[in-house]
């Protein structure tokens, strides 16, 4: 999925699904983001969001990450956020979401 403000790529590696998110995750793009990530989340997969190219995330974007976390957990999967830019990580920590969301420094090697 791609538009001028947000690009979401999904790579099924068998044991997990790596989802690359680039651009801006905000009020105008969260619906498209949720549509792109819902299928593997609802399937109970292990999801790794590679956020190295996510340059902006507002409160709507943070809410979308929380909803994705809840959807994944409800289906029996797990969500990890990888390669966060400093400003995104700061937003997550200021809102105390680091207590809910699993953050890892890098995308794990393929199992």
C-alpha atoms as a PDB file:
ATOM      1  CA  UNK A   1       0.000   0.000   0.000  1.00  0.00           C
ATOM      2  CA  UNK A   2       1.378   3.395  -0.912  1.00  0.00           C
ATOM      3  CA  UNK A   3       0.217   6.959  -1.283  1.00  0.00           C
ATOM      4  CA  UNK A   4       2.184  10.171  -1.236  1.00  0.00           C
ATOM      5  CA  UNK A   5       2.243  10.446   2.573  1.00  0.00           C
ATOM      6  CA  UNK A   6       2.487   6.826   3.733  1.00  0.00           C
ATOM      7  CA  UNK A   7       3.916   3.612   2.369  1.00  0.00           C
ATOM      8  CA  UNK A   8       3.331   0.207   3.981  1.00  0.00           C
ATOM      9  CA  UNK A   9       5.150  -2.895   2.774  1.00  0.00           C
ATOM     10  CA  UNK A  10       4.337  -6.396   4.012  1.00  0.00           C
ATOM     11  CA  UNK A  11       6.920  -9.189   3.852  1.00  0.00           C
ATOM     12  CA  UNK A  12       5.778 -12.628   5.013  1.00  0.00           C
ATOM     13  CA  UNK A  13       8.895 -14.486   6.178  1.00  0.00           C
ATOM     14  CA  UNK A  14       7.011 -17.602   7.255  1.00  0.00           C
ATOM     15  CA  UNK A  15       7.739 -17.448  10.978  1.00  0.00           C
ATOM     16  CA  UNK A  16       6.850 -13.747  11.130  1.00  0.00           C
ATOM     17  CA  UNK A  17       5.669 -10.801   9.071  1.00  0.00           C
ATOM     18  CA  UNK A  18       7.848  -7.701   8.676  1.00  0.00           C
ATOM     19  CA  UNK A  19       5.857  -4.571   7.916  1.00  0.00           C
ATOM     20  CA  UNK A  20       7.835  -1.546   6.771  1.00  0.00           C
ATOM     21  CA  UNK A  21       6.171   1.786   7.408  1.00  0.00           C
ATOM     22  CA  UNK A  22       7.522   4.911   5.716  1.00  0.00           C
ATOM     23  CA  UNK A  23       6.294   8.481   5.702  1.00  0.00           C
ATOM     24  CA  UNK A  24       3.685   9.964   8.011  1.00  0.00           C
ATOM     25  CA  UNK A  25       1.281   8.099  10.275  1.00  0.00           C
ATOM     26  CA  UNK A  26      -1.364  10.659  11.178  1.00  0.00           C
ATOM     27  CA  UNK A  27      -5.089  11.375  11.071  1.00  0.00           C
ATOM     28  CA  UNK A  28      -5.113  11.280   7.278  1.00  0.00           C
ATOM     29  CA  UNK A  29      -3.214   7.999   6.880  1.00  0.00           C
ATOM     30  CA  UNK A  30      -4.211   5.788   9.822  1.00  0.00           C
ATOM     31  CA  UNK A  31      -7.196   4.227   8.040  1.00  0.00           C
ATOM     32  CA  UNK A  32      -5.005   3.078   5.140  1.00  0.00           C
ATOM     33  CA  UNK A  33      -2.385   1.833   7.618  1.00  0.00           C
ATOM     34  CA  UNK A  34      -4.946  -0.201   9.550  1.00  0.00           C
ATOM     35  CA  UNK A  35      -6.359  -1.690   6.362  1.00  0.00           C
ATOM     36  CA  UNK A  36      -2.874  -2.803   5.271  1.00  0.00           C
ATOM     37  CA  UNK A  37      -1.862  -4.370   8.596  1.00  0.00           C
ATOM     38  CA  UNK A  38      -5.160  -5.906   9.715  1.00  0.00           C
ATOM     39  CA  UNK A  39      -4.953  -9.207   7.773  1.00  0.00           C
ATOM     40  CA  UNK A  40      -1.728 -10.528   9.346  1.00  0.00           C
ATOM     41  CA  UNK A  41      -2.755  -9.146  12.760  1.00  0.00           C
ATOM     42  CA  UNK A  42      -6.133 -10.878  12.628  1.00  0.00           C
ATOM     43  CA  UNK A  43      -4.366 -14.108  11.625  1.00  0.00           C
ATOM     44  CA  UNK A  44      -2.495 -14.110  14.954  1.00  0.00           C
ATOM     45  CA  UNK A  45       0.908 -13.694  13.342  1.00  0.00           C
ATOM     46  CA  UNK A  46       4.091 -12.351  14.878  1.00  0.00           C
ATOM     47  CA  UNK A  47       4.380  -8.846  13.462  1.00  0.00           C
ATOM     48  CA  UNK A  48       7.486  -6.696  13.367  1.00  0.00           C
ATOM     49  CA  UNK A  49       6.919  -3.079  12.379  1.00  0.00           C
ATOM     50  CA  UNK A  50      10.080  -1.635  10.849  1.00  0.00           C
ATOM     51  CA  UNK A  51       9.682   2.073  11.557  1.00  0.00           C
ATOM     52  CA  UNK A  52      13.095   3.296  10.356  1.00  0.00           C
ATOM     53  CA  UNK A  53      11.455   5.401   7.632  1.00  0.00           C
ATOM     54  CA  UNK A  54       8.490   6.652   9.683  1.00  0.00           C
ATOM     55  CA  UNK A  55       9.218  10.376   9.912  1.00  0.00           C
ATOM     56  CA  UNK A  56       6.075  11.583  11.697  1.00  0.00           C
ATOM     57  CA  UNK A  57       3.510  10.041  14.023  1.00  0.00           C
ATOM     58  CA  UNK A  58       0.800  12.056  15.752  1.00  0.00           C
ATOM     59  CA  UNK A  59      -1.710  10.969  18.395  1.00  0.00           C
ATOM     60  CA  UNK A  60      -3.871   9.308  15.723  1.00  0.00           C
ATOM     61  CA  UNK A  61      -0.850   7.283  14.633  1.00  0.00           C
ATOM     62  CA  UNK A  62      -0.052   6.291  18.201  1.00  0.00           C
ATOM     63  CA  UNK A  63      -3.666   5.229  18.609  1.00  0.00           C
ATOM     64  CA  UNK A  64      -3.376   3.096  15.462  1.00  0.00           C
ATOM     65  CA  UNK A  65      -0.310   1.363  16.940  1.00  0.00           C
ATOM     66  CA  UNK A  66      -2.223   0.629  20.149  1.00  0.00           C
ATOM     67  CA  UNK A  67      -5.185  -0.743  18.167  1.00  0.00           C
ATOM     68  CA  UNK A  68      -2.821  -2.918  16.131  1.00  0.00           C
ATOM     69  CA  UNK A  69      -1.224  -4.196  19.349  1.00  0.00           C
ATOM     70  CA  UNK A  70      -4.628  -5.099  20.809  1.00  0.00           C
ATOM     71  CA  UNK A  71      -5.804  -6.749  17.577  1.00  0.00           C
ATOM     72  CA  UNK A  72      -2.621  -8.806  17.311  1.00  0.00           C
ATOM     73  CA  UNK A  73      -2.693  -9.907  20.940  1.00  0.00           C
ATOM     74  CA  UNK A  74      -6.398 -10.785  20.784  1.00  0.00           C
ATOM     75  CA  UNK A  75      -5.693 -13.091  17.822  1.00  0.00           C
ATOM     76  CA  UNK A  76      -2.811 -14.769  19.690  1.00  0.00           C
ATOM     77  CA  UNK A  77       0.034 -12.974  17.904  1.00  0.00           C
ATOM     78  CA  UNK A  78       2.713 -10.571  18.999  1.00  0.00           C
ATOM     79  CA  UNK A  79       3.657  -7.072  17.829  1.00  0.00           C
ATOM     80  CA  UNK A  80       7.140  -5.571  18.021  1.00  0.00           C
ATOM     81  CA  UNK A  81       8.235  -2.098  16.935  1.00  0.00           C
ATOM     82  CA  UNK A  82      11.749  -1.974  15.486  1.00  0.00           C
ATOM     83  CA  UNK A  83      14.232   0.711  14.415  1.00  0.00           C
ATOM     84  CA  UNK A  84      12.357   3.695  15.833  1.00  0.00           C
ATOM     85  CA  UNK A  85      13.619   7.166  14.999  1.00  0.00           C
ATOM     86  CA  UNK A  86      14.444   9.191  18.128  1.00  0.00           C
ATOM     87  CA  UNK A  87      11.445  11.538  17.790  1.00  0.00           C
ATOM     88  CA  UNK A  88       9.006   8.617  17.413  1.00  0.00           C
ATOM     89  CA  UNK A  89      10.537   6.796  20.380  1.00  0.00           C
ATOM     90  CA  UNK A  90      10.297   9.990  22.442  1.00  0.00           C
ATOM     91  CA  UNK A  91       6.586  10.327  21.618  1.00  0.00           C
ATOM     92  CA  UNK A  92       5.995   6.724  22.648  1.00  0.00           C
ATOM     93  CA  UNK A  93       7.862   7.207  25.926  1.00  0.00           C
ATOM     94  CA  UNK A  94       6.224  10.546  26.766  1.00  0.00           C
ATOM     95  CA  UNK A  95       2.807   8.924  26.403  1.00  0.00           C
ATOM     96  CA  UNK A  96       3.987   5.919  28.456  1.00  0.00           C
ATOM     97  CA  UNK A  97       3.140   3.574  25.580  1.00  0.00           C
ATOM     98  CA  UNK A  98       6.558   1.929  25.915  1.00  0.00           C
ATOM     99  CA  UNK A  99       4.966   0.059  28.836  1.00  0.00           C
ATOM    100  CA  UNK A 100       2.442  -1.491  26.442  1.00  0.00           C
ATOM    101  CA  UNK A 101       4.267  -1.732  23.122  1.00  0.00           C
ATOM    102  CA  UNK A 102       7.229  -4.079  22.677  1.00  0.00           C
ATOM    103  CA  UNK A 103      10.185  -2.120  21.270  1.00  0.00           C
ATOM    104  CA  UNK A 104      13.291  -3.776  19.797  1.00  0.00           C
ATOM    105  CA  UNK A 105      16.360  -2.045  18.356  1.00  0.00           C
ATOM    106  CA  UNK A 106      16.449  -3.954  15.035  1.00  0.00           C
ATOM    107  CA  UNK A 107      14.389  -6.254  12.869  1.00  0.00           C
ATOM    108  CA  UNK A 108      15.372  -9.757  14.030  1.00  0.00           C
ATOM    109  CA  UNK A 109      17.117 -11.990  11.523  1.00  0.00           C
ATOM    110  CA  UNK A 110      14.860 -14.404   9.706  1.00  0.00           C
ATOM    111  CA  UNK A 111      14.254 -17.542  11.762  1.00  0.00           C
END
